[in-house]
Every structure is written in structure tokens, then in C-alpha cells.
Amino acid sequence: MGYAVYEDRDARDRGVERWAGYGVPGICDLPSCSNELPLGRGLGSKCETRWEEDEETGDEVKSPGCGMYFCGDHLELSCAHEHDGPDGIRPKPDTAEWMQHMLTDESWAEWRAENPERVAAMQKGTN
């Protein structure tokens, strides 16, 4: 099993329905950035919990991530800051390119048949 396409639970927890995975195109979640994610919404672009070595003690310490996706220019910077709270970073919606793919590609026909409400929302642009 791969991580090419899956529903983004971190975004859903913030009230946005979107897809993630290295097969899903996306835009950097930093509000001021419109860079495309060269790795899509894959794990290489995700600010996620990491284990890092403490420079003083050498111990492994947990470094929490926010679950959002950032371009190469902003991933390290973004992971160094707190994103949650009322002024936290909001997930950007799926790109028009991705929604068009889901709405028209034969590989998504079964999903469209099983999710007519979500299809209707995508067609209206209210995803």
C-alpha cells in the first residue's frame, strides 16, 4: 500500500475537506505563499511530528508538527513555529487541477458514484 492518495485528516480536523499524498498536487499552506508543492502533498512536504536529537543531551526528543504542507522554501521555517490556535495556518483547498481530475478521470468513477454529495459540492466549488 502506498501513500499516493488519501483523505487529509489534519485538514479535516481544521474544517477543510481535501486530499493528500504524493500523487496529489497542492499549494504551500503558508498564507503568503502560492508555490506549488514539487512533491505534491506527500510526506516530504508535510510538517509532521519528528524525533530529533537534543544537541545538549543527545536524547531523542519529540518535535510536534502541524500536519500542513509547505514548499521547500517554507517547510523548515514553518516547522519551527506553532501553527495552531486562532491565528494558526489554515489548510488550503484542493487545486482546480486535482478537483477536475477527480470529477472526470475514469479511475475516480466508482468514488463519484459512491459520493454524489461530495461530487456536487466539488462541482459547485464548495469543497
N, C-alpha and C. Protein backbone atom coordinates (compact mmCIF):
# COMPACT_ATOMS: atom_id res chain seq x y z
N MET A 1 0.85 -1.18 0.00
CA MET A 1 0.00 0.00 0.00
C MET A 1 0.89 1.24 0.00
N GLY A 2 0.54 2.20 -0.81
CA GLY A 2 1.33 3.42 -0.89
C GLY A 2 0.58 4.61 -0.33
N TYR A 3 1.22 5.72 -0.43
CA TYR A 3 0.65 6.97 0.06
C TYR A 3 0.44 7.96 -1.08
N ALA A 4 -0.03 7.46 -2.22
CA ALA A 4 -0.23 8.32 -3.39
C ALA A 4 -1.43 9.23 -3.20
N VAL A 5 -2.54 8.72 -2.66
CA VAL A 5 -3.77 9.50 -2.49
C VAL A 5 -4.51 9.00 -1.25
N TYR A 6 -4.85 9.93 -0.38
CA TYR A 6 -5.66 9.61 0.80
C TYR A 6 -6.31 10.90 1.29
N GLU A 7 -7.36 10.76 2.09
CA GLU A 7 -8.02 11.96 2.62
C GLU A 7 -7.16 12.55 3.73
N ASP A 8 -7.06 13.86 3.74
CA ASP A 8 -6.20 14.59 4.67
C ASP A 8 -6.94 14.81 5.99
N ARG A 9 -6.67 13.97 6.98
CA ARG A 9 -7.34 14.08 8.28
C ARG A 9 -6.96 15.35 9.04
N ASP A 10 -5.71 15.79 8.90
CA ASP A 10 -5.29 17.01 9.59
C ASP A 10 -6.08 18.21 9.10
N ALA A 11 -6.32 18.29 7.79
CA ALA A 11 -7.11 19.39 7.24
C ALA A 11 -8.57 19.26 7.66
N ARG A 12 -9.10 18.04 7.63
CA ARG A 12 -10.49 17.83 8.04
C ARG A 12 -10.71 18.28 9.49
N ASP A 13 -9.72 18.03 10.35
CA ASP A 13 -9.82 18.47 11.75
C ASP A 13 -9.87 19.99 11.85
N ARG A 14 -9.44 20.69 10.80
CA ARG A 14 -9.48 22.16 10.76
C ARG A 14 -10.63 22.65 9.87
N GLY A 15 -11.54 21.74 9.50
CA GLY A 15 -12.75 22.13 8.78
C GLY A 15 -12.62 22.19 7.26
N VAL A 16 -11.55 21.61 6.70
CA VAL A 16 -11.35 21.64 5.25
C VAL A 16 -11.27 20.21 4.74
N GLU A 17 -12.12 19.89 3.76
CA GLU A 17 -12.06 18.58 3.11
C GLU A 17 -11.08 18.69 1.95
N ARG A 18 -10.02 17.88 2.01
CA ARG A 18 -9.07 17.86 0.91
C ARG A 18 -8.34 16.53 0.91
N TRP A 19 -7.56 16.33 -0.14
CA TRP A 19 -6.83 15.09 -0.33
C TRP A 19 -5.33 15.34 -0.16
N ALA A 20 -4.62 14.28 0.19
CA ALA A 20 -3.17 14.36 0.37
C ALA A 20 -2.53 13.14 -0.27
N GLY A 21 -1.21 13.15 -0.30
CA GLY A 21 -0.43 12.07 -0.88
C GLY A 21 0.48 12.61 -1.97
N TYR A 22 1.52 11.85 -2.28
CA TYR A 22 2.47 12.34 -3.27
C TYR A 22 1.88 12.43 -4.67
N GLY A 23 0.70 11.83 -4.90
CA GLY A 23 0.04 11.94 -6.18
C GLY A 23 -0.92 13.10 -6.30
N VAL A 24 -1.03 13.89 -5.23
CA VAL A 24 -1.99 14.99 -5.19
C VAL A 24 -1.26 16.33 -5.29
N PRO A 25 -1.53 17.10 -6.34
CA PRO A 25 -0.89 18.42 -6.43
C PRO A 25 -1.41 19.34 -5.33
N GLY A 26 -0.59 20.26 -4.91
CA GLY A 26 -1.01 21.19 -3.87
C GLY A 26 -0.21 22.46 -3.90
N ILE A 27 -0.67 23.42 -3.12
CA ILE A 27 -0.02 24.72 -2.97
C ILE A 27 0.44 24.83 -1.52
N CYS A 28 1.56 25.46 -1.30
CA CYS A 28 2.09 25.68 0.05
C CYS A 28 1.00 26.27 0.95
N ASP A 29 0.84 25.71 2.15
CA ASP A 29 -0.19 26.19 3.07
C ASP A 29 0.15 27.51 3.75
N LEU A 30 1.37 27.99 3.62
CA LEU A 30 1.70 29.29 4.20
C LEU A 30 0.83 30.34 3.51
N PRO A 31 0.06 31.13 4.25
CA PRO A 31 -0.88 32.06 3.64
C PRO A 31 -0.29 32.98 2.59
N SER A 32 0.93 33.43 2.78
CA SER A 32 1.54 34.39 1.86
C SER A 32 2.24 33.73 0.67
N CYS A 33 2.17 32.41 0.55
CA CYS A 33 2.91 31.70 -0.49
C CYS A 33 1.94 31.04 -1.48
N SER A 34 2.29 31.07 -2.74
CA SER A 34 1.49 30.40 -3.77
C SER A 34 2.32 29.39 -4.56
N ASN A 35 3.44 28.96 -3.98
CA ASN A 35 4.30 27.97 -4.64
C ASN A 35 3.61 26.62 -4.68
N GLU A 36 3.77 25.94 -5.82
CA GLU A 36 3.29 24.56 -5.92
C GLU A 36 4.22 23.67 -5.11
N LEU A 37 3.68 22.59 -4.60
CA LEU A 37 4.48 21.62 -3.86
C LEU A 37 5.11 20.65 -4.85
N PRO A 38 6.44 20.68 -5.01
CA PRO A 38 7.07 19.83 -6.02
C PRO A 38 6.87 18.34 -5.76
N LEU A 39 6.65 17.96 -4.52
CA LEU A 39 6.41 16.55 -4.16
C LEU A 39 4.93 16.30 -3.93
N GLY A 40 4.08 17.21 -4.37
CA GLY A 40 2.66 17.09 -4.08
C GLY A 40 2.44 17.16 -2.58
N ARG A 41 1.27 16.74 -2.15
CA ARG A 41 1.01 16.70 -0.70
C ARG A 41 1.51 15.37 -0.13
N GLY A 42 2.76 15.07 -0.43
CA GLY A 42 3.39 13.86 0.09
C GLY A 42 4.06 14.14 1.42
N LEU A 43 4.55 13.08 2.04
CA LEU A 43 5.17 13.22 3.36
C LEU A 43 6.41 14.11 3.33
N GLY A 44 7.06 14.23 2.17
CA GLY A 44 8.22 15.09 2.07
C GLY A 44 7.91 16.57 2.18
N SER A 45 6.63 16.92 2.04
CA SER A 45 6.19 18.32 2.14
C SER A 45 5.42 18.59 3.42
N LYS A 46 5.24 17.57 4.23
CA LYS A 46 4.37 17.68 5.41
C LYS A 46 5.14 18.05 6.67
N CYS A 47 4.60 19.01 7.41
CA CYS A 47 5.12 19.36 8.72
C CYS A 47 4.49 18.37 9.69
N GLU A 48 5.26 17.37 10.08
CA GLU A 48 4.71 16.33 10.94
C GLU A 48 5.60 16.11 12.15
N THR A 49 5.09 15.36 13.09
CA THR A 49 5.86 15.05 14.28
C THR A 49 7.15 14.35 13.88
N ARG A 50 8.24 14.82 14.43
CA ARG A 50 9.55 14.25 14.12
C ARG A 50 10.28 13.97 15.44
N TRP A 51 11.18 13.02 15.38
CA TRP A 51 12.07 12.76 16.51
C TRP A 51 13.42 13.34 16.15
N GLU A 52 13.93 14.19 17.02
CA GLU A 52 15.20 14.86 16.76
C GLU A 52 16.13 14.66 17.95
N GLU A 53 17.41 14.76 17.69
CA GLU A 53 18.39 14.62 18.76
C GLU A 53 18.60 15.96 19.44
N ASP A 54 18.47 15.96 20.77
CA ASP A 54 18.75 17.16 21.56
C ASP A 54 20.25 17.41 21.49
N GLU A 55 20.65 18.61 21.07
CA GLU A 55 22.07 18.92 20.87
C GLU A 55 22.87 18.86 22.17
N GLU A 56 22.24 19.18 23.30
CA GLU A 56 22.96 19.20 24.57
C GLU A 56 23.07 17.82 25.20
N THR A 57 21.94 17.07 25.20
CA THR A 57 21.93 15.79 25.91
C THR A 57 22.13 14.59 24.99
N GLY A 58 21.85 14.76 23.71
CA GLY A 58 21.94 13.64 22.79
C GLY A 58 20.70 12.76 22.81
N ASP A 59 19.74 13.11 23.67
CA ASP A 59 18.49 12.34 23.77
C ASP A 59 17.60 12.60 22.56
N GLU A 60 16.79 11.62 22.23
CA GLU A 60 15.80 11.79 21.18
C GLU A 60 14.59 12.52 21.81
N VAL A 61 14.18 13.62 21.20
CA VAL A 61 13.04 14.39 21.70
C VAL A 61 12.00 14.52 20.59
N LYS A 62 10.77 14.55 21.01
CA LYS A 62 9.66 14.66 20.07
C LYS A 62 9.44 16.12 19.70
N SER A 63 9.41 16.38 18.40
CA SER A 63 9.16 17.72 17.88
C SER A 63 7.81 17.68 17.15
N PRO A 64 6.78 18.31 17.72
CA PRO A 64 5.46 18.21 17.11
C PRO A 64 5.36 18.95 15.79
N GLY A 65 4.53 18.46 14.91
CA GLY A 65 4.27 19.11 13.63
C GLY A 65 2.81 19.51 13.55
N CYS A 66 2.49 20.36 12.59
CA CYS A 66 1.12 20.87 12.49
C CYS A 66 0.26 20.08 11.49
N GLY A 67 0.90 19.25 10.65
CA GLY A 67 0.15 18.47 9.68
C GLY A 67 -0.15 19.19 8.38
N MET A 68 0.33 20.41 8.23
CA MET A 68 0.11 21.15 6.99
C MET A 68 1.26 20.87 6.02
N TYR A 69 1.11 21.34 4.78
CA TYR A 69 2.07 21.07 3.72
C TYR A 69 2.72 22.37 3.25
N PHE A 70 4.06 22.32 3.07
CA PHE A 70 4.81 23.52 2.73
C PHE A 70 5.81 23.24 1.62
N CYS A 71 6.07 24.26 0.81
CA CYS A 71 7.08 24.16 -0.25
C CYS A 71 8.46 24.09 0.40
N GLY A 72 9.46 23.79 -0.40
CA GLY A 72 10.83 23.69 0.11
C GLY A 72 11.34 24.96 0.75
N ASP A 73 10.84 26.11 0.29
CA ASP A 73 11.28 27.38 0.87
C ASP A 73 10.76 27.59 2.29
N HIS A 74 9.65 26.92 2.65
CA HIS A 74 8.99 27.22 3.92
C HIS A 74 8.85 26.04 4.88
N LEU A 75 9.20 24.84 4.46
CA LEU A 75 9.00 23.67 5.33
C LEU A 75 9.78 23.78 6.62
N GLU A 76 11.08 24.03 6.54
CA GLU A 76 11.88 24.11 7.76
C GLU A 76 11.46 25.29 8.63
N LEU A 77 11.21 26.42 8.03
CA LEU A 77 10.76 27.61 8.76
C LEU A 77 9.43 27.35 9.44
N SER A 78 8.51 26.73 8.70
CA SER A 78 7.17 26.51 9.24
C SER A 78 7.20 25.53 10.39
N CYS A 79 8.03 24.51 10.30
CA CYS A 79 8.07 23.50 11.35
C CYS A 79 8.66 24.04 12.65
N ALA A 80 9.32 25.17 12.57
CA ALA A 80 9.93 25.76 13.77
C ALA A 80 8.94 26.63 14.55
N HIS A 81 7.74 26.80 14.04
CA HIS A 81 6.77 27.69 14.68
C HIS A 81 5.50 26.95 15.04
N GLU A 82 4.79 27.50 15.98
CA GLU A 82 3.49 26.95 16.38
C GLU A 82 2.43 27.40 15.38
N HIS A 83 1.65 26.48 14.86
CA HIS A 83 0.65 26.80 13.84
C HIS A 83 -0.77 26.79 14.36
N ASP A 84 -1.00 26.15 15.48
CA ASP A 84 -2.36 26.02 15.97
C ASP A 84 -2.81 27.29 16.69
N GLY A 85 -4.06 27.32 17.03
CA GLY A 85 -4.62 28.49 17.69
C GLY A 85 -5.43 29.32 16.73
N PRO A 86 -6.02 30.41 17.21
CA PRO A 86 -6.91 31.21 16.38
C PRO A 86 -6.24 31.83 15.17
N ASP A 87 -4.94 32.08 15.25
CA ASP A 87 -4.21 32.67 14.12
C ASP A 87 -3.36 31.64 13.39
N GLY A 88 -3.62 30.36 13.65
CA GLY A 88 -2.83 29.30 13.04
C GLY A 88 -3.04 29.20 11.53
N ILE A 89 -2.17 28.48 10.90
CA ILE A 89 -2.23 28.29 9.45
C ILE A 89 -3.43 27.42 9.11
N ARG A 90 -4.19 27.86 8.14
CA ARG A 90 -5.36 27.12 7.66
C ARG A 90 -4.96 26.33 6.42
N PRO A 91 -5.45 25.11 6.28
CA PRO A 91 -5.13 24.33 5.09
C PRO A 91 -5.77 24.94 3.84
N LYS A 92 -5.01 25.00 2.77
CA LYS A 92 -5.56 25.49 1.51
C LYS A 92 -6.35 24.36 0.85
N PRO A 93 -7.38 24.71 0.10
CA PRO A 93 -8.20 23.68 -0.52
C PRO A 93 -7.47 22.97 -1.67
N ASP A 94 -8.09 21.91 -2.17
CA ASP A 94 -7.55 21.22 -3.33
C ASP A 94 -7.44 22.17 -4.51
N THR A 95 -6.49 21.90 -5.38
CA THR A 95 -6.33 22.72 -6.58
C THR A 95 -7.44 22.40 -7.58
N ALA A 96 -7.72 23.34 -8.46
CA ALA A 96 -8.71 23.12 -9.52
C ALA A 96 -8.30 21.94 -10.39
N GLU A 97 -7.00 21.82 -10.62
CA GLU A 97 -6.47 20.71 -11.42
C GLU A 97 -6.84 19.36 -10.79
N TRP A 98 -6.68 19.24 -9.46
CA TRP A 98 -6.98 17.98 -8.77
C TRP A 98 -8.49 17.70 -8.78
N MET A 99 -9.28 18.72 -8.51
CA MET A 99 -10.73 18.50 -8.50
C MET A 99 -11.24 18.10 -9.88
N GLN A 100 -10.69 18.71 -10.92
CA GLN A 100 -11.07 18.35 -12.29
C GLN A 100 -10.72 16.88 -12.57
N HIS A 101 -9.56 16.47 -12.10
CA HIS A 101 -9.14 15.07 -12.26
C HIS A 101 -10.13 14.13 -11.58
N MET A 102 -10.49 14.45 -10.35
CA MET A 102 -11.43 13.60 -9.61
C MET A 102 -12.81 13.57 -10.28
N LEU A 103 -13.21 14.70 -10.84
CA LEU A 103 -14.55 14.79 -11.44
C LEU A 103 -14.64 14.15 -12.82
N THR A 104 -13.51 13.94 -13.47
CA THR A 104 -13.58 13.47 -14.86
C THR A 104 -12.81 12.18 -15.15
N ASP A 105 -11.78 11.88 -14.40
CA ASP A 105 -10.96 10.73 -14.72
C ASP A 105 -11.69 9.41 -14.45
N GLU A 106 -11.53 8.47 -15.36
CA GLU A 106 -12.19 7.17 -15.24
C GLU A 106 -11.82 6.46 -13.93
N SER A 107 -10.59 6.66 -13.46
CA SER A 107 -10.14 5.98 -12.25
C SER A 107 -10.93 6.41 -11.01
N TRP A 108 -11.64 7.54 -11.08
CA TRP A 108 -12.44 8.02 -9.95
C TRP A 108 -13.93 7.77 -10.14
N ALA A 109 -14.33 7.02 -11.16
CA ALA A 109 -15.75 6.79 -11.45
C ALA A 109 -16.47 6.12 -10.28
N GLU A 110 -15.87 5.12 -9.69
CA GLU A 110 -16.52 4.42 -8.56
C GLU A 110 -16.68 5.37 -7.37
N TRP A 111 -15.64 6.14 -7.08
CA TRP A 111 -15.73 7.10 -5.96
C TRP A 111 -16.85 8.11 -6.22
N ARG A 112 -16.94 8.61 -7.45
CA ARG A 112 -18.00 9.57 -7.79
C ARG A 112 -19.38 8.95 -7.58
N ALA A 113 -19.55 7.69 -7.99
CA ALA A 113 -20.83 7.01 -7.83
C ALA A 113 -21.19 6.81 -6.36
N GLU A 114 -20.20 6.59 -5.53
CA GLU A 114 -20.42 6.35 -4.10
C GLU A 114 -20.54 7.63 -3.28
N ASN A 115 -20.19 8.78 -3.85
CA ASN A 115 -20.15 10.05 -3.11
C ASN A 115 -20.83 11.18 -3.87
N PRO A 116 -22.10 11.03 -4.22
CA PRO A 116 -22.75 12.06 -5.03
C PRO A 116 -22.81 13.44 -4.36
N GLU A 117 -22.93 13.47 -3.04
CA GLU A 117 -22.99 14.77 -2.35
C GLU A 117 -21.65 15.50 -2.45
N ARG A 118 -20.58 14.76 -2.28
CA ARG A 118 -19.26 15.37 -2.36
C ARG A 118 -18.95 15.81 -3.79
N VAL A 119 -19.39 15.02 -4.75
CA VAL A 119 -19.22 15.38 -6.17
C VAL A 119 -19.95 16.68 -6.46
N ALA A 120 -21.21 16.78 -5.98
CA ALA A 120 -22.00 18.00 -6.20
C ALA A 120 -21.31 19.21 -5.57
N ALA A 121 -20.75 19.03 -4.37
CA ALA A 121 -20.04 20.14 -3.71
C ALA A 121 -18.81 20.54 -4.51
N MET A 122 -18.09 19.56 -5.04
CA MET A 122 -16.90 19.87 -5.85
C MET A 122 -17.30 20.61 -7.12
N GLN A 123 -18.39 20.19 -7.73
CA GLN A 123 -18.84 20.84 -8.96
C GLN A 123 -19.25 22.29 -8.71
N LYS A 124 -19.74 22.55 -7.52
CA LYS A 124 -20.12 23.94 -7.17
C LYS A 124 -18.92 24.73 -6.66
N GLY A 125 -17.81 24.04 -6.42
CA GLY A 125 -16.64 24.73 -5.91
C GLY A 125 -16.72 25.01 -4.42
N THR A 126 -17.54 24.25 -3.70
CA THR A 126 -17.70 24.47 -2.27
C THR A 126 -17.04 23.40 -1.45
N ASN A 127 -16.11 22.67 -2.04
CA ASN A 127 -15.44 21.58 -1.36
C ASN A 127 -14.80 22.05 -0.09
